[in-house]
Every structure is written in structure tokens, then in C-alpha cells.
PDB file of N, CA and C in Angstrom:
ATOM      1  N   UNK A   1       0.841  -1.181   0.000  1.00  0.00           N
ATOM      2  CA  UNK A   1       0.000   0.000   0.000  1.00  0.00           C
ATOM      3  C   UNK A   1       0.883   1.239   0.000  1.00  0.00           C
ATOM      4  N   UNK A   2       0.522   2.209  -0.822  1.00  0.00           N
ATOM      5  CA  UNK A   2       1.270   3.465  -0.862  1.00  0.00           C
ATOM      6  C   UNK A   2       1.041   4.243   0.431  1.00  0.00           C
ATOM      7  N   UNK A   3       2.080   4.942   0.852  1.00  0.00           N
ATOM      8  CA  UNK A   3       1.991   5.789   2.046  1.00  0.00           C
ATOM      9  C   UNK A   3       2.549   7.168   1.724  1.00  0.00           C
ATOM     10  N   UNK A   4       2.062   8.146   2.474  1.00  0.00           N
ATOM     11  CA  UNK A   4       2.645   9.489   2.426  1.00  0.00           C
ATOM     12  C   UNK A   4       3.444   9.672   3.701  1.00  0.00           C
ATOM     13  N   UNK A   5       4.668  10.116   3.563  1.00  0.00           N
ATOM     14  CA  UNK A   5       5.520  10.455   4.707  1.00  0.00           C
ATOM     15  C   UNK A   5       5.654  11.970   4.712  1.00  0.00           C
ATOM     16  N   UNK A   6       5.091  12.589   5.734  1.00  0.00           N
ATOM     17  CA  UNK A   6       5.115  14.046   5.852  1.00  0.00           C
ATOM     18  C   UNK A   6       6.146  14.400   6.911  1.00  0.00           C
ATOM     19  N   UNK A   7       7.212  15.080   6.475  1.00  0.00           N
ATOM     20  CA  UNK A   7       8.301  15.437   7.399  1.00  0.00           C
ATOM     21  C   UNK A   7       8.340  16.947   7.574  1.00  0.00           C
ATOM     22  N   UNK A   8       8.360  17.364   8.829  1.00  0.00           N
ATOM     23  CA  UNK A   8       8.453  18.772   9.181  1.00  0.00           C
ATOM     24  C   UNK A   8       9.828  19.021   9.787  1.00  0.00           C
ATOM     25  N   UNK A   9      10.609  19.868   9.137  1.00  0.00           N
ATOM     26  CA  UNK A   9      11.956  20.213   9.608  1.00  0.00           C
ATOM     27  C   UNK A   9      11.926  21.614  10.197  1.00  0.00           C
ATOM     28  N   UNK A  10      11.838  21.720  11.507  1.00  0.00           N
ATOM     29  CA  UNK A  10      11.860  23.040  12.141  1.00  0.00           C
ATOM     30  C   UNK A  10      13.252  23.645  11.943  1.00  0.00           C
ATOM     31  N   UNK A  11      13.294  24.861  11.435  1.00  0.00           N
ATOM     32  CA  UNK A  11      14.569  25.526  11.188  1.00  0.00           C
ATOM     33  C   UNK A  11      15.221  25.134   9.869  1.00  0.00           C
ATOM     34  N   UNK A  12      14.602  24.247   9.092  1.00  0.00           N
ATOM     35  CA  UNK A  12      15.167  23.851   7.806  1.00  0.00           C
ATOM     36  C   UNK A  12      15.084  24.977   6.792  1.00  0.00           C
ATOM     37  N   UNK A  13      15.957  24.935   5.808  1.00  0.00           N
ATOM     38  CA  UNK A  13      15.954  25.948   4.746  1.00  0.00           C
ATOM     39  C   UNK A  13      15.930  25.271   3.379  1.00  0.00           C
ATOM     40  N   UNK A  14      15.424  25.988   2.402  1.00  0.00           N
ATOM     41  CA  UNK A  14      15.421  25.465   1.040  1.00  0.00           C
ATOM     42  C   UNK A  14      16.838  25.259   0.528  1.00  0.00           C
ATOM     43  N   UNK A  15      17.757  26.121   0.947  1.00  0.00           N
ATOM     44  CA  UNK A  15      19.153  25.991   0.508  1.00  0.00           C
ATOM     45  C   UNK A  15      19.761  24.685   1.029  1.00  0.00           C
ATOM     46  N   UNK A  16      19.499  24.355   2.291  1.00  0.00           N
ATOM     47  CA  UNK A  16      20.018  23.087   2.833  1.00  0.00           C
ATOM     48  C   UNK A  16      19.364  21.887   2.159  1.00  0.00           C
ATOM     49  N   UNK A  17      18.069  22.003   1.890  1.00  0.00           N
ATOM     50  CA  UNK A  17      17.368  20.922   1.210  1.00  0.00           C
ATOM     51  C   UNK A  17      17.970  20.698  -0.183  1.00  0.00           C
ATOM     52  N   UNK A  18      18.196  21.780  -0.930  1.00  0.00           N
ATOM     53  CA  UNK A  18      18.781  21.666  -2.264  1.00  0.00           C
ATOM     54  C   UNK A  18      20.184  21.067  -2.191  1.00  0.00           C
ATOM     55  N   UNK A  19      20.958  21.458  -1.178  1.00  0.00           N
ATOM     56  CA  UNK A  19      22.295  20.895  -1.002  1.00  0.00           C
ATOM     57  C   UNK A  19      22.217  19.402  -0.705  1.00  0.00           C
ATOM     58  N   UNK A  20      21.239  19.004   0.077  1.00  0.00           N
ATOM     59  CA  UNK A  20      21.065  17.591   0.391  1.00  0.00           C
ATOM     60  C   UNK A  20      20.659  16.803  -0.851  1.00  0.00           C
ATOM     61  N   UNK A  21      19.750  17.357  -1.658  1.00  0.00           N
ATOM     62  CA  UNK A  21      19.386  16.687  -2.913  1.00  0.00           C
ATOM     63  C   UNK A  21      20.615  16.470  -3.794  1.00  0.00           C
ATOM     64  N   UNK A  22      21.425  17.516  -3.919  1.00  0.00           N
ATOM     65  CA  UNK A  22      22.635  17.417  -4.737  1.00  0.00           C
ATOM     66  C   UNK A  22      23.575  16.361  -4.170  1.00  0.00           C
ATOM     67  N   UNK A  23      23.727  16.330  -2.859  1.00  0.00           N
ATOM     68  CA  UNK A  23      24.612  15.348  -2.201  1.00  0.00           C
ATOM     69  C   UNK A  23      24.138  13.920  -2.464  1.00  0.00           C
ATOM     70  N   UNK A  24      22.801  13.752  -2.557  1.00  0.00           N
ATOM     71  CA  UNK A  24      22.229  12.436  -2.829  1.00  0.00           C
ATOM     72  C   UNK A  24      22.200  12.105  -4.323  1.00  0.00           C
ATOM     73  N   UNK A  25      22.575  13.082  -5.170  1.00  0.00           N
ATOM     74  CA  UNK A  25      22.617  12.848  -6.602  1.00  0.00           C
ATOM     75  C   UNK A  25      21.292  13.086  -7.318  1.00  0.00           C
ATOM     76  N   UNK A  26      20.368  13.828  -6.698  1.00  0.00           N
ATOM     77  CA  UNK A  26      19.073  14.119  -7.299  1.00  0.00           C
ATOM     78  C   UNK A  26      19.034  15.556  -7.802  1.00  0.00           C
ATOM     79  N   UNK A  27      18.177  15.790  -8.794  1.00  0.00           N
ATOM     80  CA  UNK A  27      17.958  17.138  -9.323  1.00  0.00           C
ATOM     81  C   UNK A  27      16.477  17.461  -9.211  1.00  0.00           C
ATOM     82  N   UNK A  28      16.119  18.696  -8.846  1.00  0.00           N
ATOM     83  CA  UNK A  28      14.703  19.070  -8.800  1.00  0.00           C
ATOM     84  C   UNK A  28      14.021  18.769 -10.135  1.00  0.00           C
ATOM     85  N   UNK A  29      12.879  18.128 -10.071  1.00  0.00           N
ATOM     86  CA  UNK A  29      12.143  17.760 -11.277  1.00  0.00           C
ATOM     87  C   UNK A  29      12.612  16.461 -11.910  1.00  0.00           C
ATOM     88  N   UNK A  30      13.692  15.886 -11.397  1.00  0.00           N
ATOM     89  CA  UNK A  30      14.227  14.646 -11.946  1.00  0.00           C
ATOM     90  C   UNK A  30      13.694  13.422 -11.227  1.00  0.00           C
ATOM     91  N   UNK A  31      14.201  12.255 -11.609  1.00  0.00           N
ATOM     92  CA  UNK A  31      13.753  11.023 -10.954  1.00  0.00           C
ATOM     93  C   UNK A  31      14.186  10.979  -9.489  1.00  0.00           C
ATOM     94  N   UNK A  32      13.392  10.315  -8.697  1.00  0.00           N
ATOM     95  CA  UNK A  32      13.673  10.187  -7.270  1.00  0.00           C
ATOM     96  C   UNK A  32      14.269   8.837  -6.929  1.00  0.00           C
ATOM     97  N   UNK A  33      14.296   8.515  -5.649  1.00  0.00           N
ATOM     98  CA  UNK A  33      14.893   7.268  -5.189  1.00  0.00           C
ATOM     99  C   UNK A  33      14.008   6.059  -5.478  1.00  0.00           C
ATOM    100  N   UNK A  34      14.585   4.869  -5.441  1.00  0.00           N
ATOM    101  CA  UNK A  34      13.788   3.650  -5.612  1.00  0.00           C
ATOM    102  C   UNK A  34      12.661   3.596  -4.578  1.00  0.00           C
ATOM    103  N   UNK A  35      11.477   3.255  -5.039  1.00  0.00           N
ATOM    104  CA  UNK A  35      10.334   3.145  -4.143  1.00  0.00           C
ATOM    105  C   UNK A  35       9.581   4.439  -3.939  1.00  0.00           C
ATOM    106  N   UNK A  36      10.161   5.556  -4.361  1.00  0.00           N
ATOM    107  CA  UNK A  36       9.484   6.839  -4.238  1.00  0.00           C
ATOM    108  C   UNK A  36       8.603   7.085  -5.447  1.00  0.00           C
ATOM    109  N   UNK A  37       7.376   7.511  -5.222  1.00  0.00           N
ATOM    110  CA  UNK A  37       6.468   7.796  -6.330  1.00  0.00           C
ATOM    111  C   UNK A  37       6.539   9.257  -6.733  1.00  0.00           C
ATOM    112  N   UNK A  38       6.500  10.160  -5.757  1.00  0.00           N
ATOM    113  CA  UNK A  38       6.730  11.583  -6.008  1.00  0.00           C
ATOM    114  C   UNK A  38       6.876  12.287  -4.671  1.00  0.00           C
ATOM    115  N   UNK A  39       7.415  13.502  -4.723  1.00  0.00           N
ATOM    116  CA  UNK A  39       7.567  14.286  -3.495  1.00  0.00           C
ATOM    117  C   UNK A  39       7.488  15.764  -3.830  1.00  0.00           C
ATOM    118  N   UNK A  40       7.269  16.537  -2.799  1.00  0.00           N
ATOM    119  CA  UNK A  40       7.295  17.999  -2.937  1.00  0.00           C
ATOM    120  C   UNK A  40       7.773  18.590  -1.631  1.00  0.00           C
ATOM    121  N   UNK A  41       8.324  19.792  -1.725  1.00  0.00           N
ATOM    122  CA  UNK A  41       8.837  20.490  -0.548  1.00  0.00           C
ATOM    123  C   UNK A  41       8.397  21.946  -0.612  1.00  0.00           C
ATOM    124  N   UNK A  42       8.130  22.511   0.563  1.00  0.00           N
ATOM    125  CA  UNK A  42       7.733  23.917   0.642  1.00  0.00           C
ATOM    126  C   UNK A  42       8.306  24.527   1.915  1.00  0.00           C
ATOM    127  N   UNK A  43       8.669  25.796   1.815  1.00  0.00           N
ATOM    128  CA  UNK A  43       9.097  26.533   3.007  1.00  0.00           C
ATOM    129  C   UNK A  43       7.854  26.854   3.837  1.00  0.00           C
ATOM    130  N   UNK A  44       8.016  26.822   5.156  1.00  0.00           N
ATOM    131  CA  UNK A  44       6.945  27.194   6.079  1.00  0.00           C
ATOM    132  C   UNK A  44       7.437  28.358   6.931  1.00  0.00           C
ATOM    133  N   UNK A  45       6.587  28.849   7.806  1.00  0.00           N
ATOM    134  CA  UNK A  45       6.984  29.966   8.674  1.00  0.00           C
ATOM    135  C   UNK A  45       8.157  29.611   9.583  1.00  0.00           C
ATOM    136  N   UNK A  46       8.301  28.330   9.919  1.00  0.00           N
ATOM    137  CA  UNK A  46       9.378  27.953  10.845  1.00  0.00           C
ATOM    138  C   UNK A  46      10.299  26.863  10.313  1.00  0.00           C
ATOM    139  N   UNK A  47      10.296  26.618   8.995  1.00  0.00           N
ATOM    140  CA  UNK A  47      11.203  25.613   8.448  1.00  0.00           C
ATOM    141  C   UNK A  47      10.750  25.080   7.114  1.00  0.00           C
ATOM    142  N   UNK A  48      10.710  23.739   6.999  1.00  0.00           N
ATOM    143  CA  UNK A  48      10.346  23.080   5.749  1.00  0.00           C
ATOM    144  C   UNK A  48       9.294  22.016   5.985  1.00  0.00           C
ATOM    145  N   UNK A  49       8.481  21.801   4.958  1.00  0.00           N
ATOM    146  CA  UNK A  49       7.536  20.702   4.925  1.00  0.00           C
ATOM    147  C   UNK A  49       7.897  19.863   3.705  1.00  0.00           C
ATOM    148  N   UNK A  50       8.235  18.602   3.934  1.00  0.00           N
ATOM    149  CA  UNK A  50       8.619  17.695   2.857  1.00  0.00           C
ATOM    150  C   UNK A  50       7.631  16.537   2.859  1.00  0.00           C
ATOM    151  N   UNK A  51       6.915  16.367   1.756  1.00  0.00           N
ATOM    152  CA  UNK A  51       5.941  15.285   1.645  1.00  0.00           C
ATOM    153  C   UNK A  51       6.358  14.368   0.513  1.00  0.00           C
ATOM    154  N   UNK A  52       6.453  13.092   0.811  1.00  0.00           N
ATOM    155  CA  UNK A  52       6.778  12.094  -0.197  1.00  0.00           C
ATOM    156  C   UNK A  52       5.723  11.011  -0.215  1.00  0.00           C
ATOM    157  N   UNK A  53       5.372  10.547  -1.406  1.00  0.00           N
ATOM    158  CA  UNK A  53       4.486   9.403  -1.539  1.00  0.00           C
ATOM    159  C   UNK A  53       5.349   8.238  -2.002  1.00  0.00           C
ATOM    160  N   UNK A  54       5.248   7.152  -1.262  1.00  0.00           N
ATOM    161  CA  UNK A  54       6.125   5.988  -1.435  1.00  0.00           C
ATOM    162  C   UNK A  54       5.316   4.737  -1.712  1.00  0.00           C
ATOM    163  N   UNK A  55       5.926   3.779  -2.392  1.00  0.00           N
ATOM    164  CA  UNK A  55       5.250   2.506  -2.659  1.00  0.00           C
ATOM    165  C   UNK A  55       4.901   1.783  -1.366  1.00  0.00           C
ATOM    166  N   UNK A  56       5.717   1.970  -0.330  1.00  0.00           N
ATOM    167  CA  UNK A  56       5.482   1.314   0.956  1.00  0.00           C
ATOM    168  C   UNK A  56       6.243   2.057   2.046  1.00  0.00           C
ATOM    169  N   UNK A  57       5.872   1.796   3.285  1.00  0.00           N
ATOM    170  CA  UNK A  57       6.596   2.392   4.406  1.00  0.00           C
ATOM    171  C   UNK A  57       8.028   1.874   4.442  1.00  0.00           C
ATOM    172  N   UNK A  58       8.204   0.620   4.095  1.00  0.00           N
ATOM    173  CA  UNK A  58       9.559   0.049   4.073  1.00  0.00           C
ATOM    174  C   UNK A  58      10.461   0.782   3.068  1.00  0.00           C
ATOM    175  N   UNK A  59       9.925   1.108   1.891  1.00  0.00           N
ATOM    176  CA  UNK A  59      10.706   1.848   0.886  1.00  0.00           C
ATOM    177  C   UNK A  59      11.133   3.199   1.450  1.00  0.00           C
ATOM    178  N   UNK A  60      10.209   3.881   2.142  1.00  0.00           N
ATOM    179  CA  UNK A  60      10.562   5.153   2.757  1.00  0.00           C
ATOM    180  C   UNK A  60      11.659   4.964   3.802  1.00  0.00           C
ATOM    181  N   UNK A  61      11.507   3.983   4.667  1.00  0.00           N
ATOM    182  CA  UNK A  61      12.473   3.768   5.747  1.00  0.00           C
ATOM    183  C   UNK A  61      13.867   3.450   5.211  1.00  0.00           C
ATOM    184  N   UNK A  62      13.947   2.699   4.119  1.00  0.00           N
ATOM    185  CA  UNK A  62      15.253   2.417   3.518  1.00  0.00           C
ATOM    186  C   UNK A  62      15.903   3.703   3.027  1.00  0.00           C
ATOM    187  N   UNK A  63      15.126   4.567   2.384  1.00  0.00           N
ATOM    188  CA  UNK A  63      15.668   5.836   1.914  1.00  0.00           C
ATOM    189  C   UNK A  63      15.996   6.764   3.074  1.00  0.00           C
ATOM    190  N   UNK A  64      15.150   6.792   4.093  1.00  0.00           N
ATOM    191  CA  UNK A  64      15.340   7.703   5.224  1.00  0.00           C
ATOM    192  C   UNK A  64      16.687   7.456   5.913  1.00  0.00           C
ATOM    193  N   UNK A  65      17.139   6.234   5.941  1.00  0.00           N
ATOM    194  CA  UNK A  65      18.449   5.926   6.531  1.00  0.00           C
ATOM    195  C   UNK A  65      19.555   6.641   5.768  1.00  0.00           C
ATOM    196  N   UNK A  66      19.515   6.556   4.448  1.00  0.00           N
ATOM    197  CA  UNK A  66      20.519   7.231   3.615  1.00  0.00           C
ATOM    198  C   UNK A  66      20.385   8.751   3.736  1.00  0.00           C
ATOM    199  N   UNK A  67      19.156   9.243   3.677  1.00  0.00           N
ATOM    200  CA  UNK A  67      18.882  10.674   3.787  1.00  0.00           C
ATOM    201  C   UNK A  67      19.454  11.229   5.085  1.00  0.00           C
ATOM    202  N   UNK A  68      19.170  10.536   6.180  1.00  0.00           N
ATOM    203  CA  UNK A  68      19.632  10.988   7.491  1.00  0.00           C
ATOM    204  C   UNK A  68      21.137  11.032   7.614  1.00  0.00           C
ATOM    205  N   UNK A  69      21.824  10.090   6.976  1.00  0.00           N
ATOM    206  CA  UNK A  69      23.279  10.069   7.089  1.00  0.00           C
ATOM    207  C   UNK A  69      23.927  11.268   6.399  1.00  0.00           C
ATOM    208  N   UNK A  70      23.272  11.818   5.372  1.00  0.00           N
ATOM    209  CA  UNK A  70      23.817  12.977   4.670  1.00  0.00           C
ATOM    210  C   UNK A  70      23.292  14.303   5.216  1.00  0.00           C
ATOM    211  N   UNK A  71      22.195  14.263   5.952  1.00  0.00           N
ATOM    212  CA  UNK A  71      21.572  15.497   6.435  1.00  0.00           C
ATOM    213  C   UNK A  71      22.525  16.325   7.286  1.00  0.00           C
ATOM    214  N   UNK A  72      23.253  15.685   8.191  1.00  0.00           N
ATOM    215  CA  UNK A  72      24.176  16.424   9.058  1.00  0.00           C
ATOM    216  C   UNK A  72      25.281  17.104   8.246  1.00  0.00           C
ATOM    217  N   UNK A  73      25.658  16.499   7.124  1.00  0.00           N
ATOM    218  CA  UNK A  73      26.714  17.074   6.285  1.00  0.00           C
ATOM    219  C   UNK A  73      26.337  18.442   5.718  1.00  0.00           C
ATOM    220  N   UNK A  74      25.045  18.683   5.544  1.00  0.00           N
ATOM    221  CA  UNK A  74      24.603  19.962   4.974  1.00  0.00           C
ATOM    222  C   UNK A  74      23.999  20.872   6.035  1.00  0.00           C
ATOM    223  N   UNK A  75      24.183  20.523   7.310  1.00  0.00           N
ATOM    224  CA  UNK A  75      23.772  21.409   8.390  1.00  0.00           C
ATOM    225  C   UNK A  75      22.406  21.146   8.985  1.00  0.00           C
ATOM    226  N   UNK A  76      21.779  20.029   8.648  1.00  0.00           N
ATOM    227  CA  UNK A  76      20.497  19.673   9.253  1.00  0.00           C
ATOM    228  C   UNK A  76      20.806  18.905  10.531  1.00  0.00           C
ATOM    229  N   UNK A  77      20.561  19.516  11.668  1.00  0.00           N
ATOM    230  CA  UNK A  77      20.942  18.921  12.948  1.00  0.00           C
ATOM    231  C   UNK A  77      19.778  18.282  13.686  1.00  0.00           C
ATOM    232  N   UNK A  78      18.587  18.844  13.543  1.00  0.00           N
ATOM    233  CA  UNK A  78      17.435  18.362  14.289  1.00  0.00           C
ATOM    234  C   UNK A  78      16.629  17.384  13.432  1.00  0.00           C
ATOM    235  N   UNK A  79      16.305  16.206  13.963  1.00  0.00           N
ATOM    236  CA  UNK A  79      15.505  15.272  13.159  1.00  0.00           C
ATOM    237  C   UNK A  79      14.102  15.834  12.909  1.00  0.00           C
ATOM    238  N   UNK A  80      13.501  15.447  11.798  1.00  0.00           N
ATOM    239  CA  UNK A  80      12.173  15.961  11.494  1.00  0.00           C
ATOM    240  C   UNK A  80      11.103  15.263  12.328  1.00  0.00           C
ATOM    241  N   UNK A  81       9.955  15.917  12.395  1.00  0.00           N
ATOM    242  CA  UNK A  81       8.755  15.256  12.917  1.00  0.00           C
ATOM    243  C   UNK A  81       8.137  14.562  11.707  1.00  0.00           C
ATOM    244  N   UNK A  82       7.814  13.282  11.844  1.00  0.00           N
ATOM    245  CA  UNK A  82       7.289  12.508  10.712  1.00  0.00           C
ATOM    246  C   UNK A  82       5.904  11.968  11.048  1.00  0.00           C
ATOM    247  N   UNK A  83       4.990  12.154  10.119  1.00  0.00           N
ATOM    248  CA  UNK A  83       3.688  11.504  10.216  1.00  0.00           C
ATOM    249  C   UNK A  83       3.472  10.693   8.942  1.00  0.00           C
ATOM    250  N   UNK A  84       2.785   9.580   9.084  1.00  0.00           N
ATOM    251  CA  UNK A  84       2.500   8.698   7.950  1.00  0.00           C
ATOM    252  C   UNK A  84       0.998   8.635   7.720  1.00  0.00           C
ATOM    253  N   UNK A  85       0.643   8.517   6.450  1.00  0.00           N
ATOM    254  CA  UNK A  85      -0.769   8.430   6.064  1.00  0.00           C
ATOM    255  C   UNK A  85      -0.887   7.388   4.965  1.00  0.00           C
ATOM    256  N   UNK A  86      -1.887   6.507   5.073  1.00  0.00           N
ATOM    257  CA  UNK A  86      -2.155   5.587   3.983  1.00  0.00           C
ATOM    258  C   UNK A  86      -2.763   6.382   2.833  1.00  0.00           C
ATOM    259  N   UNK A  87      -2.271   6.127   1.640  1.00  0.00           N
ATOM    260  CA  UNK A  87      -2.724   6.867   0.460  1.00  0.00           C
ATOM    261  C   UNK A  87      -3.843   6.071  -0.223  1.00  0.00           C
ATOM    262  N   UNK A  88      -4.995   6.701  -0.331  1.00  0.00           N
ATOM    263  CA  UNK A  88      -6.138   6.070  -0.997  1.00  0.00           C
ATOM    264  C   UNK A  88      -5.912   6.000  -2.512  1.00  0.00           C
ATOM    265  N   UNK A  89      -5.468   7.107  -3.088  1.00  0.00           N
ATOM    266  CA  UNK A  89      -5.169   7.141  -4.521  1.00  0.00           C
ATOM    267  C   UNK A  89      -4.255   8.310  -4.794  1.00  0.00           C
ATOM    268  N   UNK A  90      -3.609   8.282  -5.955  1.00  0.00           N
ATOM    269  CA  UNK A  90      -2.744   9.382  -6.376  1.00  0.00           C
ATOM    270  C   UNK A  90      -2.737   9.426  -7.901  1.00  0.00           C
ATOM    271  N   UNK A  91      -2.356  10.553  -8.447  1.00  0.00           N
ATOM    272  CA  UNK A  91      -2.271  10.737  -9.892  1.00  0.00           C
ATOM    273  C   UNK A  91      -0.824  10.948 -10.287  1.00  0.00           C
ATOM    274  N   UNK A  92      -0.477  10.558 -11.484  1.00  0.00           N
ATOM    275  CA  UNK A  92       0.875  10.759 -12.001  1.00  0.00           C
ATOM    276  C   UNK A  92       0.815  11.731 -13.175  1.00  0.00           C
ATOM    277  N   UNK A  93       1.972  12.218 -13.639  1.00  0.00           N
ATOM    278  CA  UNK A  93       1.949  13.162 -14.764  1.00  0.00           C
ATOM    279  C   UNK A  93       1.182  12.582 -15.965  1.00  0.00           C
ATOM    280  N   UNK A  94       0.408  13.451 -16.619  1.00  0.00           N
ATOM    281  CA  UNK A  94      -0.414  13.009 -17.759  1.00  0.00           C
ATOM    282  C   UNK A  94       0.358  12.971 -19.033  1.00  0.00           C
TER     283      UNK A  94
END
């Protein structure tokens, strides 16, 4: 079952997020990690909101391990608050 992983990074910045994407070898608008269906990120009043839709919670957890190991390298010190939601349906690019 597909899941949405909603991560809130208090104090996060778009610049750090972009640096982390580059460190992981991803480009905005390009393909994502294995098991990821799509994601989006937005700045909030107190940090970042990162939402990813994944094929499964396990796929997210495998990626989150890699993501976390590089996060400190780009200055992300505080772990995000994560909530999970079962995805009823989603649409892909037409």
C-alpha cells in the first residue's frame, strides 16, 4: 500500500534541502529514489515541509536511513517530525 511520509523540519531551509538533494545525486524535477512515487517540498513559517508518496513504508524507511546520514553534512541537525498516512489514490503526470 502506498503511504505518504510528511516530514516537518523546524529551522530547515530550502538551501540546505537543495544541497542535500545534490549530495544524494538528485535534481529538482528529476527522478527520485527507488520506491518513491513523487515528493514535494515547501518553506513554512518555521522551516520546511517535505511530503513524499512511497510505494510502501519500508521503501521510505530504507531511503530515510541514507537521507539521514547525509543530512548532518549539509547542516540539518534536528531530526524531522514525521507523520504517515495511507494513500487512498494518487495521480501521475499526464
